[in-house]
Amino acid sequence: MYNLIIRKQADKKLRSLGVIDRTRIAEAIYALRQEPIDNELNIRKMVGESFYRLRVGKWRIIFEKDDMIKVIAIEKIGSRGDVYK
């Protein structure tokens, strides 16, 4: 199990979402925390970056992971079109 750090920007966005989206994203983050290499999660490494993205419907979770100290840092949460900017 990895430790989880949620940055202020990601936490603010998560709190602003509706109950259904917030629940789906929270469940995906919990699954990510349990096993970040799970093939059932839609995770891709971002090209030219040290970040990964997790797809949850129309939402994207941008995160960084450190396998040495077992930490996942959630950097951004946003809709598909806005999160990559």
C-alpha atoms as a PDB file:
ATOM      1  CA  MET A   1       0.000   0.000   0.000  1.00  0.00           C
ATOM      2  CA  TYR A   2       1.257   3.444  -0.937  1.00  0.00           C
ATOM      3  CA  ASN A   3       0.989   6.622   1.110  1.00  0.00           C
ATOM      4  CA  LEU A   4      -1.142   9.265  -0.538  1.00  0.00           C
ATOM      5  CA  ILE A   5      -0.515  12.998  -0.878  1.00  0.00           C
ATOM      6  CA  ILE A   6      -3.271  15.107  -2.401  1.00  0.00           C
ATOM      7  CA  ARG A   7      -2.129  18.564  -3.457  1.00  0.00           C
ATOM      8  CA  LYS A   8      -4.277  21.574  -2.592  1.00  0.00           C
ATOM      9  CA  GLN A   9      -5.378  22.169  -6.196  1.00  0.00           C
ATOM     10  CA  ALA A  10      -6.532  18.547  -6.608  1.00  0.00           C
ATOM     11  CA  ASP A  11      -8.319  18.543  -3.248  1.00  0.00           C
ATOM     12  CA  LYS A  12     -10.150  21.768  -4.094  1.00  0.00           C
ATOM     13  CA  LYS A  13     -11.335  20.341  -7.431  1.00  0.00           C
ATOM     14  CA  LEU A  14     -12.419  17.068  -5.835  1.00  0.00           C
ATOM     15  CA  ARG A  15     -14.493  18.901  -3.227  1.00  0.00           C
ATOM     16  CA  SER A  16     -16.201  21.004  -5.906  1.00  0.00           C
ATOM     17  CA  LEU A  17     -17.498  17.986  -7.865  1.00  0.00           C
ATOM     18  CA  GLY A  18     -20.933  16.436  -7.548  1.00  0.00           C
ATOM     19  CA  VAL A  19     -21.478  13.431  -5.320  1.00  0.00           C
ATOM     20  CA  ILE A  20     -21.457  10.837  -8.111  1.00  0.00           C
ATOM     21  CA  ASP A  21     -18.241  12.051  -9.764  1.00  0.00           C
ATOM     22  CA  ARG A  22     -16.547  12.625  -6.412  1.00  0.00           C
ATOM     23  CA  THR A  23     -17.393   9.085  -5.293  1.00  0.00           C
ATOM     24  CA  ARG A  24     -16.122   7.508  -8.532  1.00  0.00           C
ATOM     25  CA  ILE A  25     -12.869   9.456  -8.351  1.00  0.00           C
ATOM     26  CA  ALA A  26     -12.382   8.670  -4.657  1.00  0.00           C
ATOM     27  CA  GLU A  27     -12.879   4.952  -5.355  1.00  0.00           C
ATOM     28  CA  ALA A  28     -10.338   5.100  -8.200  1.00  0.00           C
ATOM     29  CA  ILE A  29      -7.812   6.884  -5.977  1.00  0.00           C
ATOM     30  CA  TYR A  30      -8.326   4.270  -3.259  1.00  0.00           C
ATOM     31  CA  ALA A  31      -7.743   1.467  -5.805  1.00  0.00           C
ATOM     32  CA  LEU A  32      -4.658   3.302  -7.063  1.00  0.00           C
ATOM     33  CA  ARG A  33      -3.343   3.537  -3.521  1.00  0.00           C
ATOM     34  CA  GLN A  34      -3.816  -0.194  -3.018  1.00  0.00           C
ATOM     35  CA  GLU A  35      -2.138  -1.312  -6.256  1.00  0.00           C
ATOM     36  CA  PRO A  36      -0.795   1.365  -8.643  1.00  0.00           C
ATOM     37  CA  ILE A  37       0.157  -1.207 -11.295  1.00  0.00           C
ATOM     38  CA  ASP A  38      -3.334  -2.745 -11.556  1.00  0.00           C
ATOM     39  CA  ASN A  39      -4.212  -3.464 -15.196  1.00  0.00           C
ATOM     40  CA  GLU A  40      -7.908  -2.772 -14.552  1.00  0.00           C
ATOM     41  CA  LEU A  41      -7.128   0.879 -13.850  1.00  0.00           C
ATOM     42  CA  ASN A  42      -6.693   2.979 -16.965  1.00  0.00           C
ATOM     43  CA  ILE A  43      -3.211   4.351 -16.209  1.00  0.00           C
ATOM     44  CA  ARG A  44      -0.788   5.725 -18.773  1.00  0.00           C
ATOM     45  CA  LYS A  45       2.609   7.379 -18.418  1.00  0.00           C
ATOM     46  CA  MET A  46       2.554  10.899 -19.824  1.00  0.00           C
ATOM     47  CA  VAL A  47       4.943  11.406 -22.725  1.00  0.00           C
ATOM     48  CA  GLY A  48       7.951  13.511 -21.802  1.00  0.00           C
ATOM     49  CA  GLU A  49       6.838  13.874 -18.181  1.00  0.00           C
ATOM     50  CA  SER A  50       7.430  12.084 -14.903  1.00  0.00           C
ATOM     51  CA  PHE A  51       3.671  12.029 -14.296  1.00  0.00           C
ATOM     52  CA  TYR A  52       1.016   9.411 -14.909  1.00  0.00           C
ATOM     53  CA  ARG A  53      -2.643   9.880 -15.673  1.00  0.00           C
ATOM     54  CA  LEU A  54      -5.553   7.842 -14.410  1.00  0.00           C
ATOM     55  CA  ARG A  55      -8.748   7.984 -16.442  1.00  0.00           C
ATOM     56  CA  VAL A  56     -12.102   7.909 -14.618  1.00  0.00           C
ATOM     57  CA  GLY A  57     -14.830   8.512 -17.194  1.00  0.00           C
ATOM     58  CA  LYS A  58     -14.446  12.076 -18.453  1.00  0.00           C
ATOM     59  CA  TRP A  59     -12.128  12.955 -15.560  1.00  0.00           C
ATOM     60  CA  ARG A  60      -8.354  12.651 -15.433  1.00  0.00           C
ATOM     61  CA  ILE A  61      -6.194  12.320 -12.341  1.00  0.00           C
ATOM     62  CA  ILE A  62      -2.601  13.413 -12.841  1.00  0.00           C
ATOM     63  CA  PHE A  63      -0.234  11.876 -10.317  1.00  0.00           C
ATOM     64  CA  GLU A  64       3.382  11.119  -9.606  1.00  0.00           C
ATOM     65  CA  LYS A  65       4.562   7.972  -7.858  1.00  0.00           C
ATOM     66  CA  ASP A  66       7.765   7.058  -6.092  1.00  0.00           C
ATOM     67  CA  ASP A  67       8.204   3.316  -5.756  1.00  0.00           C
ATOM     68  CA  MET A  68      11.238   3.627  -3.471  1.00  0.00           C
ATOM     69  CA  ILE A  69       9.355   5.327  -0.630  1.00  0.00           C
ATOM     70  CA  LYS A  70       5.883   4.141  -1.745  1.00  0.00           C
ATOM     71  CA  VAL A  71       4.251   7.549  -2.174  1.00  0.00           C
ATOM     72  CA  ILE A  72       1.650   8.674  -4.690  1.00  0.00           C
ATOM     73  CA  ALA A  73       1.144  12.432  -5.075  1.00  0.00           C
ATOM     74  CA  ILE A  74      -2.114  13.490  -6.736  1.00  0.00           C
ATOM     75  CA  GLU A  75      -1.200  16.694  -8.576  1.00  0.00           C
ATOM     76  CA  LYS A  76      -4.338  17.598 -10.547  1.00  0.00           C
ATOM     77  CA  ILE A  77      -7.895  16.450 -11.115  1.00  0.00           C
ATOM     78  CA  GLY A  78      -9.784  17.820 -14.054  1.00  0.00           C
ATOM     79  CA  SER A  79     -11.894  17.170 -17.098  1.00  0.00           C
ATOM     80  CA  ARG A  80     -10.260  15.641 -20.147  1.00  0.00           C
ATOM     81  CA  GLY A  81      -9.813  18.908 -22.017  1.00  0.00           C
ATOM     82  CA  ASP A  82      -8.580  21.078 -19.162  1.00  0.00           C
ATOM     83  CA  VAL A  83      -6.282  18.949 -17.036  1.00  0.00           C
ATOM     84  CA  TYR A  84      -3.369  18.810 -19.489  1.00  0.00           C
ATOM     85  CA  LYS A  85      -2.985  22.597 -19.744  1.00  0.00           C
END
